[in-house]
Amino acid sequence: MKKYNIPVEAALGVIGGKWKVVILCFLTKGDGILRTGKLRRLIPALPKKCLLNN
């Protein structure tokens, strides 16, 4: 199991790929809780597998 030094590093490791910045922008806007379904509606081109926890 990989050890992370800070929470942001862990989040980036889970999100992964070219969608990191786009997802983080939506998550940090402060519009409340964004569940995966809402996030997928906001970013239609986002592949479903990008939000799965492997």
C-alpha atoms as a PDB file:
ATOM      1  CA  MET A   1       0.000   0.000   0.000  1.00  0.00           C
ATOM      2  CA  LYS A   2       1.352   3.395  -0.987  1.00  0.00           C
ATOM      3  CA  LYS A   3       1.987   5.981   1.745  1.00  0.00           C
ATOM      4  CA  TYR A   4       0.998   9.595   1.134  1.00  0.00           C
ATOM      5  CA  ASN A   5       2.515  12.590   2.894  1.00  0.00           C
ATOM      6  CA  ILE A   6      -0.428  14.963   2.500  1.00  0.00           C
ATOM      7  CA  PRO A   7      -4.149  14.485   1.705  1.00  0.00           C
ATOM      8  CA  VAL A   8      -3.879  16.282  -1.649  1.00  0.00           C
ATOM      9  CA  GLU A   9      -1.287  13.769  -2.796  1.00  0.00           C
ATOM     10  CA  ALA A  10      -3.647  10.931  -1.910  1.00  0.00           C
ATOM     11  CA  ALA A  11      -6.523  12.596  -3.760  1.00  0.00           C
ATOM     12  CA  LEU A  12      -4.409  13.072  -6.892  1.00  0.00           C
ATOM     13  CA  GLY A  13      -3.338   9.456  -6.725  1.00  0.00           C
ATOM     14  CA  VAL A  14      -6.961   8.306  -6.616  1.00  0.00           C
ATOM     15  CA  ILE A  15      -8.236  10.667  -9.319  1.00  0.00           C
ATOM     16  CA  GLY A  16      -5.290  10.170 -11.673  1.00  0.00           C
ATOM     17  CA  GLY A  17      -4.990  10.903 -15.376  1.00  0.00           C
ATOM     18  CA  LYS A  18      -5.642  13.947 -17.504  1.00  0.00           C
ATOM     19  CA  TRP A  19      -8.861  14.870 -15.683  1.00  0.00           C
ATOM     20  CA  LYS A  20      -7.198  15.829 -12.363  1.00  0.00           C
ATOM     21  CA  VAL A  21      -7.252  19.574 -12.844  1.00  0.00           C
ATOM     22  CA  VAL A  22     -10.780  19.691 -14.263  1.00  0.00           C
ATOM     23  CA  ILE A  23     -12.216  17.606 -11.427  1.00  0.00           C
ATOM     24  CA  LEU A  24     -10.333  19.554  -8.769  1.00  0.00           C
ATOM     25  CA  CYS A  25     -11.612  22.849 -10.187  1.00  0.00           C
ATOM     26  CA  PHE A  26     -15.190  21.686  -9.786  1.00  0.00           C
ATOM     27  CA  LEU A  27     -14.547  20.260  -6.318  1.00  0.00           C
ATOM     28  CA  THR A  28     -12.911  23.436  -5.019  1.00  0.00           C
ATOM     29  CA  LYS A  29     -15.570  25.858  -6.270  1.00  0.00           C
ATOM     30  CA  GLY A  30     -17.361  25.519  -2.946  1.00  0.00           C
ATOM     31  CA  ASP A  31     -20.795  24.661  -4.367  1.00  0.00           C
ATOM     32  CA  GLY A  32     -21.432  22.090  -1.668  1.00  0.00           C
ATOM     33  CA  ILE A  33     -21.194  18.334  -1.980  1.00  0.00           C
ATOM     34  CA  LEU A  34     -20.581  16.972  -5.467  1.00  0.00           C
ATOM     35  CA  ARG A  35     -21.489  13.346  -5.812  1.00  0.00           C
ATOM     36  CA  THR A  36     -20.142  11.362  -8.738  1.00  0.00           C
ATOM     37  CA  GLY A  37     -23.425  11.580 -10.682  1.00  0.00           C
ATOM     38  CA  LYS A  38     -23.487  15.373 -10.490  1.00  0.00           C
ATOM     39  CA  LEU A  39     -19.809  15.573 -11.383  1.00  0.00           C
ATOM     40  CA  ARG A  40     -20.431  13.387 -14.446  1.00  0.00           C
ATOM     41  CA  ARG A  41     -23.284  15.710 -15.513  1.00  0.00           C
ATOM     42  CA  LEU A  42     -21.032  18.748 -15.123  1.00  0.00           C
ATOM     43  CA  ILE A  43     -18.254  17.121 -17.182  1.00  0.00           C
ATOM     44  CA  PRO A  44     -20.009  14.995 -19.834  1.00  0.00           C
ATOM     45  CA  ALA A  45     -16.754  13.963 -21.550  1.00  0.00           C
ATOM     46  CA  LEU A  46     -15.400  12.510 -18.300  1.00  0.00           C
ATOM     47  CA  PRO A  47     -15.091   8.712 -18.595  1.00  0.00           C
ATOM     48  CA  LYS A  48     -16.996   6.821 -15.886  1.00  0.00           C
ATOM     49  CA  LYS A  49     -13.882   4.869 -14.896  1.00  0.00           C
ATOM     50  CA  CYS A  50     -12.126   8.102 -13.876  1.00  0.00           C
ATOM     51  CA  LEU A  51     -14.349   8.345 -10.810  1.00  0.00           C
ATOM     52  CA  LEU A  52     -14.114   4.731  -9.716  1.00  0.00           C
ATOM     53  CA  ASN A  53     -11.988   3.846  -6.714  1.00  0.00           C
ATOM     54  CA  ASN A  54      -9.640   1.090  -7.854  1.00  0.00           C
END
